[in-house]
Amino acid sequence: MNILETIVEQKKKEVAERKSLHPAKQLEQSEFFARPTASLKEYVQRKDLSGIITEIKRKSPSKGIINPDVSIERTSVGYVQAGASALSILTDKEFFGGSSEDLIAARKLNTCPILRKDFTIDEYQIIEAKSIGADAILLISAILDPKQAKQLANFAHSLKLEVLFEVHSAEELHPELFSVVDLIGVNNRDLKTFEVSLDVSKKLFDMMPKESVKISESGISSVEAIDELRGIGFDGFLMGENFMKNGRPEEAAKEFMGKLKSRK
């Protein structure tokens, strides 16, 4: 199995275990479950913000340990103060070192949209996302067939959560899903080989509907890259590793977004 298949198999086991420990009805009693959600789609298009979705992750299968002792509270608030449009919080523990508690901690201190970054394969995880304060979920085309993706997207919308639909190739762009997702993300990192190239975003841009909100994800490390991607037509940019490899990610984000702002 490749790493993506390994992650999905592990996720199936985790979800089954969590369902038995914390039934959906219990999750629905969370203090966050009834809160109004913020729109990721709207925030990434706001002209007063950077368009950057800043990510918090401690490690990854491709890079190993990145920033194991990161302060969720300091980093999430610092990201927002730097001009981030939204936050992305990794909640997968086994492969990325995250947890639901990380997202809860960020939610308690920030009002901006928060994307729950995980490998969503079951409606239970969407209820879970709502219960910990997420505003949006990630659906990955590479691990879901169109029928599954549509079902999960519709279920997310029933809970007032938005959906970022992630693709990496032309084969993963399913036109029948364009009308049921809120944002389309192009992951420049191949989740099977972990090779990274911004050419993936450039190649797939014209294959997506003009009216869709488009996010370029992974491998972005310079303001020049954002200028180029924005010039093509991308609305938002998901960045994590470029900031997280710094001991103070929020300071790296502040410097980066300062440079970006000065170029406008």
C-alpha atoms as a PDB file:
ATOM      1  CA  MET A   1       0.000   0.000   0.000  1.00  0.00           C
ATOM      2  CA  ASN A   2       1.104   3.582  -0.614  1.00  0.00           C
ATOM      3  CA  ILE A   3       1.043   6.040   2.294  1.00  0.00           C
ATOM      4  CA  LEU A   4      -2.388   7.384   1.392  1.00  0.00           C
ATOM      5  CA  GLU A   5      -3.913   3.904   1.445  1.00  0.00           C
ATOM      6  CA  THR A   6      -2.178   3.232   4.759  1.00  0.00           C
ATOM      7  CA  ILE A   7      -3.628   6.421   6.235  1.00  0.00           C
ATOM      8  CA  VAL A   8      -7.147   5.534   5.087  1.00  0.00           C
ATOM      9  CA  GLU A   9      -6.939   2.046   6.599  1.00  0.00           C
ATOM     10  CA  GLN A  10      -5.786   3.533   9.890  1.00  0.00           C
ATOM     11  CA  LYS A  11      -8.557   6.123   9.713  1.00  0.00           C
ATOM     12  CA  LYS A  12     -11.214   3.429   9.339  1.00  0.00           C
ATOM     13  CA  LYS A  13      -9.989   1.818  12.568  1.00  0.00           C
ATOM     14  CA  GLU A  14      -9.886   5.160  14.395  1.00  0.00           C
ATOM     15  CA  VAL A  15     -13.396   6.133  13.342  1.00  0.00           C
ATOM     16  CA  ALA A  16     -14.824   2.780  14.441  1.00  0.00           C
ATOM     17  CA  GLU A  17     -13.139   3.154  17.821  1.00  0.00           C
ATOM     18  CA  ARG A  18     -14.279   6.744  18.328  1.00  0.00           C
ATOM     19  CA  LYS A  19     -17.857   5.883  17.392  1.00  0.00           C
ATOM     20  CA  SER A  20     -17.946   3.384  20.247  1.00  0.00           C
ATOM     21  CA  LEU A  21     -16.340   5.767  22.736  1.00  0.00           C
ATOM     22  CA  HIS A  22     -18.160   8.969  21.757  1.00  0.00           C
ATOM     23  CA  PRO A  23     -21.499   8.344  20.001  1.00  0.00           C
ATOM     24  CA  ALA A  24     -22.748  11.016  17.597  1.00  0.00           C
ATOM     25  CA  LYS A  25     -25.541  12.014  19.993  1.00  0.00           C
ATOM     26  CA  GLN A  26     -22.906  12.802  22.595  1.00  0.00           C
ATOM     27  CA  LEU A  27     -20.933  14.950  20.152  1.00  0.00           C
ATOM     28  CA  GLU A  28     -24.062  16.956  19.363  1.00  0.00           C
ATOM     29  CA  GLN A  29     -24.116  18.151  22.992  1.00  0.00           C
ATOM     30  CA  SER A  30     -20.832  20.002  22.501  1.00  0.00           C
ATOM     31  CA  GLU A  31     -20.718  23.715  23.332  1.00  0.00           C
ATOM     32  CA  PHE A  32     -19.631  24.399  19.739  1.00  0.00           C
ATOM     33  CA  PHE A  33     -22.300  22.396  17.952  1.00  0.00           C
ATOM     34  CA  ALA A  34     -24.898  25.158  17.843  1.00  0.00           C
ATOM     35  CA  ARG A  35     -22.494  28.018  17.075  1.00  0.00           C
ATOM     36  CA  PRO A  36     -22.974  29.903  13.788  1.00  0.00           C
ATOM     37  CA  THR A  37     -20.183  29.022  11.377  1.00  0.00           C
ATOM     38  CA  ALA A  38     -17.949  31.468   9.505  1.00  0.00           C
ATOM     39  CA  SER A  39     -17.590  31.148   5.730  1.00  0.00           C
ATOM     40  CA  LEU A  40     -14.183  29.984   4.513  1.00  0.00           C
ATOM     41  CA  LYS A  41     -15.310  30.784   0.975  1.00  0.00           C
ATOM     42  CA  GLU A  42     -16.045  34.402   1.868  1.00  0.00           C
ATOM     43  CA  TYR A  43     -12.964  34.970   4.006  1.00  0.00           C
ATOM     44  CA  VAL A  44     -10.443  33.834   1.383  1.00  0.00           C
ATOM     45  CA  GLN A  45     -11.952  36.340  -1.039  1.00  0.00           C
ATOM     46  CA  ARG A  46     -11.877  39.296   1.362  1.00  0.00           C
ATOM     47  CA  LYS A  47      -9.712  42.089  -0.020  1.00  0.00           C
ATOM     48  CA  ASP A  48      -8.570  43.210   3.441  1.00  0.00           C
ATOM     49  CA  LEU A  49      -6.977  39.824   4.130  1.00  0.00           C
ATOM     50  CA  SER A  50      -4.110  37.908   2.529  1.00  0.00           C
ATOM     51  CA  GLY A  51      -6.044  35.004   1.010  1.00  0.00           C
ATOM     52  CA  ILE A  52      -3.707  32.679   2.899  1.00  0.00           C
ATOM     53  CA  ILE A  53      -5.058  29.759   4.919  1.00  0.00           C
ATOM     54  CA  THR A  54      -2.323  29.209   7.496  1.00  0.00           C
ATOM     55  CA  GLU A  55      -1.852  25.644   8.677  1.00  0.00           C
ATOM     56  CA  ILE A  56      -0.727  24.148  11.956  1.00  0.00           C
ATOM     57  CA  LYS A  57       0.866  20.696  11.773  1.00  0.00           C
ATOM     58  CA  ARG A  58       3.518  19.105  13.948  1.00  0.00           C
ATOM     59  CA  LYS A  59       4.760  16.470  11.514  1.00  0.00           C
ATOM     60  CA  SER A  60       3.988  14.824   8.177  1.00  0.00           C
ATOM     61  CA  PRO A  61       4.765  11.521   6.443  1.00  0.00           C
ATOM     62  CA  SER A  62       6.920  13.324   3.882  1.00  0.00           C
ATOM     63  CA  LYS A  63       8.894  15.649   6.171  1.00  0.00           C
ATOM     64  CA  GLY A  64       8.829  13.812   9.489  1.00  0.00           C
ATOM     65  CA  ILE A  65       8.929  15.946  12.629  1.00  0.00           C
ATOM     66  CA  ILE A  66       8.411  19.634  11.779  1.00  0.00           C
ATOM     67  CA  ASN A  67       7.459  21.495  14.960  1.00  0.00           C
ATOM     68  CA  PRO A  68       6.408  19.084  17.731  1.00  0.00           C
ATOM     69  CA  ASP A  69       6.178  21.682  20.511  1.00  0.00           C
ATOM     70  CA  VAL A  70       4.203  24.350  18.679  1.00  0.00           C
ATOM     71  CA  SER A  71       1.876  26.459  20.823  1.00  0.00           C
ATOM     72  CA  ILE A  72      -1.575  26.233  19.240  1.00  0.00           C
ATOM     73  CA  GLU A  73      -2.795  29.276  21.124  1.00  0.00           C
ATOM     74  CA  ARG A  74       0.136  31.571  20.305  1.00  0.00           C
ATOM     75  CA  THR A  75       0.505  30.394  16.738  1.00  0.00           C
ATOM     76  CA  SER A  76      -3.176  30.517  15.769  1.00  0.00           C
ATOM     77  CA  VAL A  77      -3.676  34.004  17.213  1.00  0.00           C
ATOM     78  CA  GLY A  78      -0.397  35.171  15.664  1.00  0.00           C
ATOM     79  CA  TYR A  79      -1.408  33.836  12.276  1.00  0.00           C
ATOM     80  CA  VAL A  80      -4.677  35.765  12.371  1.00  0.00           C
ATOM     81  CA  GLN A  81      -2.989  38.940  13.571  1.00  0.00           C
ATOM     82  CA  ALA A  82      -0.512  38.588  10.695  1.00  0.00           C
ATOM     83  CA  GLY A  83      -3.391  38.723   8.213  1.00  0.00           C
ATOM     84  CA  ALA A  84      -4.347  35.096   7.593  1.00  0.00           C
ATOM     85  CA  SER A  85      -7.770  34.661   6.026  1.00  0.00           C
ATOM     86  CA  ALA A  86      -8.397  31.392   7.856  1.00  0.00           C
ATOM     87  CA  LEU A  87      -6.769  28.601   9.815  1.00  0.00           C
ATOM     88  CA  SER A  88      -6.222  24.976   8.880  1.00  0.00           C
ATOM     89  CA  ILE A  89      -5.696  22.624  11.804  1.00  0.00           C
ATOM     90  CA  LEU A  90      -4.422  19.075  11.305  1.00  0.00           C
ATOM     91  CA  THR A  91      -6.360  16.755  13.613  1.00  0.00           C
ATOM     92  CA  ASP A  92      -4.865  13.439  12.477  1.00  0.00           C
ATOM     93  CA  LYS A  93      -2.684  12.093  15.294  1.00  0.00           C
ATOM     94  CA  GLU A  94      -0.960   9.034  13.862  1.00  0.00           C
ATOM     95  CA  PHE A  95       0.609  10.647  10.793  1.00  0.00           C
ATOM     96  CA  PHE A  96       0.506  14.397  11.488  1.00  0.00           C
ATOM     97  CA  GLY A  97       0.719  14.671  15.275  1.00  0.00           C
ATOM     98  CA  GLY A  98      -2.521  16.623  15.605  1.00  0.00           C
ATOM     99  CA  SER A  99      -5.680  16.219  17.644  1.00  0.00           C
ATOM    100  CA  SER A 100      -9.213  17.497  18.074  1.00  0.00           C
ATOM    101  CA  GLU A 101      -7.927  19.367  21.116  1.00  0.00           C
ATOM    102  CA  ASP A 102      -5.689  21.448  18.830  1.00  0.00           C
ATOM    103  CA  LEU A 103      -8.695  22.692  16.882  1.00  0.00           C
ATOM    104  CA  ILE A 104     -10.697  23.332  20.050  1.00  0.00           C
ATOM    105  CA  ALA A 105      -7.830  25.403  21.450  1.00  0.00           C
ATOM    106  CA  ALA A 106      -7.672  27.492  18.257  1.00  0.00           C
ATOM    107  CA  ARG A 107     -11.454  27.881  18.163  1.00  0.00           C
ATOM    108  CA  LYS A 108     -11.625  29.290  21.681  1.00  0.00           C
ATOM    109  CA  LEU A 109      -9.332  32.167  20.727  1.00  0.00           C
ATOM    110  CA  ASN A 110     -10.245  32.932  17.098  1.00  0.00           C
ATOM    111  CA  THR A 111     -13.414  33.915  15.239  1.00  0.00           C
ATOM    112  CA  CYS A 112     -12.078  33.360  11.707  1.00  0.00           C
ATOM    113  CA  PRO A 113     -13.011  30.231   9.717  1.00  0.00           C
ATOM    114  CA  ILE A 114     -11.196  27.055  10.726  1.00  0.00           C
ATOM    115  CA  LEU A 115     -10.729  24.174   8.314  1.00  0.00           C
ATOM    116  CA  ARG A 116     -10.542  20.768   9.934  1.00  0.00           C
ATOM    117  CA  LYS A 117      -7.725  19.122   7.985  1.00  0.00           C
ATOM    118  CA  ASP A 118      -8.142  15.376   8.143  1.00  0.00           C
ATOM    119  CA  PHE A 119      -8.951  12.354   6.001  1.00  0.00           C
ATOM    120  CA  THR A 120     -12.743  12.402   6.006  1.00  0.00           C
ATOM    121  CA  ILE A 121     -14.331   9.098   5.007  1.00  0.00           C
ATOM    122  CA  ASP A 122     -17.406   8.928   7.267  1.00  0.00           C
ATOM    123  CA  GLU A 123     -20.312  11.168   8.267  1.00  0.00           C
ATOM    124  CA  TYR A 124     -19.317  10.661  11.893  1.00  0.00           C
ATOM    125  CA  GLN A 125     -16.146  12.688  11.290  1.00  0.00           C
ATOM    126  CA  ILE A 126     -18.261  15.569  10.012  1.00  0.00           C
ATOM    127  CA  ILE A 127     -20.373  15.567  13.165  1.00  0.00           C
ATOM    128  CA  GLU A 128     -17.095  15.460  15.061  1.00  0.00           C
ATOM    129  CA  ALA A 129     -15.761  18.444  13.092  1.00  0.00           C
ATOM    130  CA  LYS A 130     -18.848  20.457  13.974  1.00  0.00           C
ATOM    131  CA  SER A 131     -18.551  19.465  17.636  1.00  0.00           C
ATOM    132  CA  ILE A 132     -14.986  20.748  17.957  1.00  0.00           C
ATOM    133  CA  GLY A 133     -15.686  24.110  16.335  1.00  0.00           C
ATOM    134  CA  ALA A 134     -14.710  23.672  12.686  1.00  0.00           C
ATOM    135  CA  ASP A 135     -16.310  25.784   9.964  1.00  0.00           C
ATOM    136  CA  ALA A 136     -15.208  23.669   7.018  1.00  0.00           C
ATOM    137  CA  ILE A 137     -14.017  20.169   6.234  1.00  0.00           C
ATOM    138  CA  LEU A 138     -11.665  18.699   3.660  1.00  0.00           C
ATOM    139  CA  LEU A 139     -12.801  16.037   1.201  1.00  0.00           C
ATOM    140  CA  ILE A 140      -9.991  14.401  -0.754  1.00  0.00           C
ATOM    141  CA  SER A 141     -10.911  13.165  -4.216  1.00  0.00           C
ATOM    142  CA  ALA A 142      -8.142  10.547  -4.205  1.00  0.00           C
ATOM    143  CA  ILE A 143      -9.782   8.594  -1.369  1.00  0.00           C
ATOM    144  CA  LEU A 144     -13.465   9.051  -2.254  1.00  0.00           C
ATOM    145  CA  ASP A 145     -15.526   8.078  -5.257  1.00  0.00           C
ATOM    146  CA  PRO A 146     -17.890  10.795  -6.579  1.00  0.00           C
ATOM    147  CA  LYS A 147     -20.939   9.239  -4.905  1.00  0.00           C
ATOM    148  CA  GLN A 148     -19.220   9.166  -1.499  1.00  0.00           C
ATOM    149  CA  ALA A 149     -17.910  12.706  -1.910  1.00  0.00           C
ATOM    150  CA  LYS A 150     -21.344  14.033  -2.847  1.00  0.00           C
ATOM    151  CA  GLN A 151     -22.980  12.306   0.098  1.00  0.00           C
ATOM    152  CA  LEU A 152     -20.409  13.658   2.546  1.00  0.00           C
ATOM    153  CA  ALA A 153     -20.566  17.169   1.065  1.00  0.00           C
ATOM    154  CA  ASN A 154     -24.351  17.274   1.352  1.00  0.00           C
ATOM    155  CA  PHE A 155     -24.156  16.012   4.919  1.00  0.00           C
ATOM    156  CA  ALA A 156     -21.605  18.712   5.785  1.00  0.00           C
ATOM    157  CA  HIS A 157     -23.914  21.357   4.355  1.00  0.00           C
ATOM    158  CA  SER A 158     -26.774  20.027   6.477  1.00  0.00           C
ATOM    159  CA  LEU A 159     -24.615  20.962   9.480  1.00  0.00           C
ATOM    160  CA  LYS A 160     -23.764  24.375   7.973  1.00  0.00           C
ATOM    161  CA  LEU A 161     -20.172  23.376   7.289  1.00  0.00           C
ATOM    162  CA  GLU A 162     -18.432  24.293   4.039  1.00  0.00           C
ATOM    163  CA  VAL A 163     -16.455  21.848   1.928  1.00  0.00           C
ATOM    164  CA  LEU A 164     -12.990  22.212   0.435  1.00  0.00           C
ATOM    165  CA  PHE A 165     -12.715  19.548  -2.267  1.00  0.00           C
ATOM    166  CA  GLU A 166      -9.100  18.592  -2.920  1.00  0.00           C
ATOM    167  CA  VAL A 167      -7.716  17.255  -6.181  1.00  0.00           C
ATOM    168  CA  HIS A 168      -4.288  16.519  -7.593  1.00  0.00           C
ATOM    169  CA  SER A 169      -4.969  15.420 -11.159  1.00  0.00           C
ATOM    170  CA  ALA A 170      -7.401  15.891 -14.016  1.00  0.00           C
ATOM    171  CA  GLU A 171      -8.845  12.439 -13.285  1.00  0.00           C
ATOM    172  CA  GLU A 172      -9.841  13.586  -9.798  1.00  0.00           C
ATOM    173  CA  LEU A 173     -11.845  16.553 -11.097  1.00  0.00           C
ATOM    174  CA  HIS A 174     -15.413  15.254 -11.149  1.00  0.00           C
ATOM    175  CA  PRO A 175     -17.701  17.859 -12.783  1.00  0.00           C
ATOM    176  CA  GLU A 176     -20.769  16.408 -11.074  1.00  0.00           C
ATOM    177  CA  LEU A 177     -19.317  17.554  -7.744  1.00  0.00           C
ATOM    178  CA  PHE A 178     -18.587  21.160  -8.699  1.00  0.00           C
ATOM    179  CA  SER A 179     -22.068  22.335  -7.702  1.00  0.00           C
ATOM    180  CA  VAL A 180     -22.025  20.620  -4.293  1.00  0.00           C
ATOM    181  CA  VAL A 181     -18.668  21.826  -2.946  1.00  0.00           C
ATOM    182  CA  ASP A 182     -17.766  25.331  -1.798  1.00  0.00           C
ATOM    183  CA  LEU A 183     -14.104  25.533  -2.740  1.00  0.00           C
ATOM    184  CA  ILE A 184     -11.820  23.476  -4.966  1.00  0.00           C
ATOM    185  CA  GLY A 185      -8.280  22.955  -3.750  1.00  0.00           C
ATOM    186  CA  VAL A 186      -5.410  21.803  -5.925  1.00  0.00           C
ATOM    187  CA  ASN A 187      -2.820  19.973  -3.887  1.00  0.00           C
ATOM    188  CA  ASN A 188       0.568  20.512  -5.469  1.00  0.00           C
ATOM    189  CA  ARG A 189       1.848  17.546  -3.447  1.00  0.00           C
ATOM    190  CA  ASP A 190       1.065  14.101  -4.785  1.00  0.00           C
ATOM    191  CA  LEU A 191      -0.274  12.256  -1.724  1.00  0.00           C
ATOM    192  CA  LYS A 192       0.997   8.962  -3.112  1.00  0.00           C
ATOM    193  CA  THR A 193       4.566   9.958  -3.973  1.00  0.00           C
ATOM    194  CA  PHE A 194       4.824  13.273  -2.035  1.00  0.00           C
ATOM    195  CA  GLU A 195       6.455  14.971  -5.008  1.00  0.00           C
ATOM    196  CA  VAL A 196       5.611  18.693  -5.107  1.00  0.00           C
ATOM    197  CA  SER A 197       5.199  20.998  -8.097  1.00  0.00           C
ATOM    198  CA  LEU A 198       3.284  24.250  -8.522  1.00  0.00           C
ATOM    199  CA  ASP A 199       2.790  23.191 -12.137  1.00  0.00           C
ATOM    200  CA  VAL A 200      -0.072  21.016 -10.868  1.00  0.00           C
ATOM    201  CA  SER A 201      -2.078  24.137  -9.964  1.00  0.00           C
ATOM    202  CA  LYS A 202      -1.216  25.801 -13.250  1.00  0.00           C
ATOM    203  CA  LYS A 203      -2.213  22.737 -15.242  1.00  0.00           C
ATOM    204  CA  LEU A 204      -5.569  22.179 -13.531  1.00  0.00           C
ATOM    205  CA  PHE A 205      -6.754  25.773 -13.273  1.00  0.00           C
ATOM    206  CA  ASP A 206      -8.510  25.909 -16.644  1.00  0.00           C
ATOM    207  CA  MET A 207     -10.228  22.585 -15.974  1.00  0.00           C
ATOM    208  CA  MET A 208     -12.166  24.018 -13.047  1.00  0.00           C
ATOM    209  CA  PRO A 209     -15.356  26.074 -13.453  1.00  0.00           C
ATOM    210  CA  LYS A 210     -14.740  29.815 -13.721  1.00  0.00           C
ATOM    211  CA  GLU A 211     -17.142  30.605 -10.896  1.00  0.00           C
ATOM    212  CA  SER A 212     -15.502  28.247  -8.368  1.00  0.00           C
ATOM    213  CA  VAL A 213     -13.365  29.540  -5.507  1.00  0.00           C
ATOM    214  CA  LYS A 214      -9.945  28.013  -6.111  1.00  0.00           C
ATOM    215  CA  ILE A 215      -7.234  27.266  -3.560  1.00  0.00           C
ATOM    216  CA  SER A 216      -3.648  26.273  -4.319  1.00  0.00           C
ATOM    217  CA  GLU A 217      -2.228  24.007  -1.616  1.00  0.00           C
ATOM    218  CA  SER A 218       1.276  22.895  -0.622  1.00  0.00           C
ATOM    219  CA  GLY A 219       4.721  23.793  -1.875  1.00  0.00           C
ATOM    220  CA  ILE A 220       4.192  27.564  -1.734  1.00  0.00           C
ATOM    221  CA  SER A 221       7.189  29.269  -0.173  1.00  0.00           C
ATOM    222  CA  SER A 222       7.592  32.680  -1.808  1.00  0.00           C
ATOM    223  CA  VAL A 223       5.561  35.823  -2.413  1.00  0.00           C
ATOM    224  CA  GLU A 224       6.522  35.480  -6.082  1.00  0.00           C
ATOM    225  CA  ALA A 225       4.732  32.122  -6.200  1.00  0.00           C
ATOM    226  CA  ILE A 226       1.592  33.687  -4.745  1.00  0.00           C
ATOM    227  CA  ASP A 227       1.803  36.570  -7.204  1.00  0.00           C
ATOM    228  CA  GLU A 228       2.006  34.082 -10.058  1.00  0.00           C
ATOM    229  CA  LEU A 229      -0.823  31.877  -8.791  1.00  0.00           C
ATOM    230  CA  ARG A 230      -3.025  34.872  -8.041  1.00  0.00           C
ATOM    231  CA  GLY A 231      -2.293  36.193 -11.530  1.00  0.00           C
ATOM    232  CA  ILE A 232      -3.564  32.931 -12.988  1.00  0.00           C
ATOM    233  CA  GLY A 233      -6.763  33.304 -10.978  1.00  0.00           C
ATOM    234  CA  PHE A 234      -6.376  31.436  -7.690  1.00  0.00           C
ATOM    235  CA  ASP A 235      -8.303  32.996  -4.812  1.00  0.00           C
ATOM    236  CA  GLY A 236      -6.550  31.434  -1.841  1.00  0.00           C
ATOM    237  CA  PHE A 237      -3.387  29.655  -0.796  1.00  0.00           C
ATOM    238  CA  LEU A 238      -2.939  27.005   1.878  1.00  0.00           C
ATOM    239  CA  MET A 239       0.453  27.294   3.551  1.00  0.00           C
ATOM    240  CA  GLY A 240       1.774  25.320   6.487  1.00  0.00           C
ATOM    241  CA  GLU A 241       5.238  23.869   6.235  1.00  0.00           C
ATOM    242  CA  ASN A 242       6.843  27.131   5.134  1.00  0.00           C
ATOM    243  CA  PHE A 243       5.813  28.686   8.457  1.00  0.00           C
ATOM    244  CA  MET A 244       5.840  25.628  10.710  1.00  0.00           C
ATOM    245  CA  LYS A 245       9.516  24.837  10.119  1.00  0.00           C
ATOM    246  CA  ASN A 246      10.259  28.098  11.949  1.00  0.00           C
ATOM    247  CA  GLY A 247      10.490  27.987  15.756  1.00  0.00           C
ATOM    248  CA  ARG A 248       7.923  30.806  15.853  1.00  0.00           C
ATOM    249  CA  PRO A 249       5.569  30.118  12.931  1.00  0.00           C
ATOM    250  CA  GLU A 250       3.500  33.209  13.608  1.00  0.00           C
ATOM    251  CA  GLU A 251       6.574  35.427  13.245  1.00  0.00           C
ATOM    252  CA  ALA A 252       7.460  33.782   9.925  1.00  0.00           C
ATOM    253  CA  ALA A 253       3.877  34.324   8.756  1.00  0.00           C
ATOM    254  CA  LYS A 254       3.945  37.976   9.831  1.00  0.00           C
ATOM    255  CA  GLU A 255       7.138  38.623   7.865  1.00  0.00           C
ATOM    256  CA  PHE A 256       5.825  36.772   4.805  1.00  0.00           C
ATOM    257  CA  MET A 257       2.461  38.536   4.760  1.00  0.00           C
ATOM    258  CA  GLY A 258       4.147  41.868   5.321  1.00  0.00           C
ATOM    259  CA  LYS A 259       6.165  41.320   2.147  1.00  0.00           C
ATOM    260  CA  LEU A 260       3.044  40.207   0.305  1.00  0.00           C
ATOM    261  CA  LYS A 261       1.112  43.277   1.377  1.00  0.00           C
ATOM    262  CA  SER A 262       3.914  45.625   0.332  1.00  0.00           C
ATOM    263  CA  ARG A 263       3.726  44.276  -3.223  1.00  0.00           C
ATOM    264  CA  LYS A 264       0.072  45.199  -3.748  1.00  0.00           C
END
